[in-house]
Amino acid sequence: MQRTTRAKIQVGQRYSQVEIPSAVWQVVSIYHDALGVEHAALTNELRGRDRKTLSAAALQDRSRYRLV
């Protein structure tokens, strides 16, 4: 099995959802949970009150999100 190298997620990066390309989310913080899994906290650029947290693996899943 071949592994693909993923780019590191960084604060300030912007991602759009594949199913809703107009929804752009900006990474505002990155942290590791108690099990060591990396997560990114994001805020919606158009609706600053809309926030969500995703695992790094989910955010880097190209079938769900794309780096803008």
Protein backbone atom coordinates (compact mmCIF):
# COMPACT_ATOMS: atom_id res chain seq x y z
CA MET A 1 0.00 0.00 0.00
CA GLN A 2 1.36 3.41 -0.99
CA ARG A 3 1.06 6.35 1.40
CA THR A 4 0.41 9.86 0.19
CA THR A 5 2.07 12.76 1.94
CA ARG A 6 -0.38 15.38 3.09
CA ALA A 7 0.49 19.03 3.45
CA LYS A 8 0.47 20.27 7.01
CA ILE A 9 -2.61 22.23 8.03
CA GLN A 10 -1.78 25.77 9.12
CA VAL A 11 -3.66 28.60 10.80
CA GLY A 12 -4.96 31.00 8.15
CA GLN A 13 -5.46 28.39 5.43
CA ARG A 14 -8.81 28.46 3.66
CA TYR A 15 -10.82 25.44 2.59
CA SER A 16 -13.99 25.12 0.55
CA GLN A 17 -16.46 22.30 0.80
CA VAL A 18 -16.69 20.17 -2.33
CA GLU A 19 -20.50 19.94 -2.15
CA ILE A 20 -20.91 23.64 -1.29
CA PRO A 21 -18.00 25.47 -2.99
CA SER A 22 -19.28 28.87 -1.88
CA ALA A 23 -18.78 27.84 1.76
CA VAL A 24 -15.21 28.85 2.60
CA TRP A 25 -13.78 27.96 6.01
CA GLN A 26 -10.64 29.44 7.52
CA VAL A 27 -8.44 27.59 10.02
CA VAL A 28 -8.30 29.63 13.24
CA SER A 29 -6.53 27.11 15.50
CA ILE A 30 -5.03 23.65 15.55
CA TYR A 31 -4.82 21.27 18.49
CA HIS A 32 -4.30 17.63 19.41
CA ASP A 33 -6.88 15.80 21.51
CA ALA A 34 -6.11 13.47 24.42
CA LEU A 35 -5.44 10.62 21.99
CA GLY A 36 -3.03 12.71 19.91
CA VAL A 37 -5.41 13.19 16.97
CA GLU A 38 -4.92 16.54 15.24
CA HIS A 39 -7.97 18.79 14.82
CA ALA A 40 -8.57 22.16 13.21
CA ALA A 41 -11.05 24.74 14.42
CA LEU A 42 -12.60 26.63 11.51
CA THR A 43 -14.78 29.66 11.02
CA ASN A 44 -16.98 30.43 8.03
CA GLU A 45 -15.71 33.48 6.14
CA LEU A 46 -19.18 34.80 5.31
CA ARG A 47 -20.81 33.93 8.61
CA GLY A 48 -18.27 34.54 11.34
CA ARG A 49 -20.52 32.97 13.95
CA ASP A 50 -20.53 29.64 12.12
CA ARG A 51 -17.71 27.52 13.51
CA LYS A 52 -16.78 23.87 13.41
CA THR A 53 -14.01 21.54 14.37
CA LEU A 54 -12.76 18.78 12.10
CA SER A 55 -10.05 16.19 12.41
CA ALA A 56 -7.08 16.91 10.18
CA ALA A 57 -7.85 13.70 8.27
CA ALA A 58 -11.39 14.90 7.48
CA LEU A 59 -10.18 18.33 6.39
CA GLN A 60 -7.54 16.77 4.14
CA ASP A 61 -10.05 14.39 2.53
CA ARG A 62 -10.18 15.77 -1.02
CA SER A 63 -13.61 14.29 -1.60
CA ARG A 64 -14.93 16.63 1.15
CA TYR A 65 -12.70 19.74 1.26
CA ARG A 66 -10.31 21.58 -1.03
CA LEU A 67 -7.58 24.04 -0.11
CA VAL A 68 -8.40 27.44 -1.62
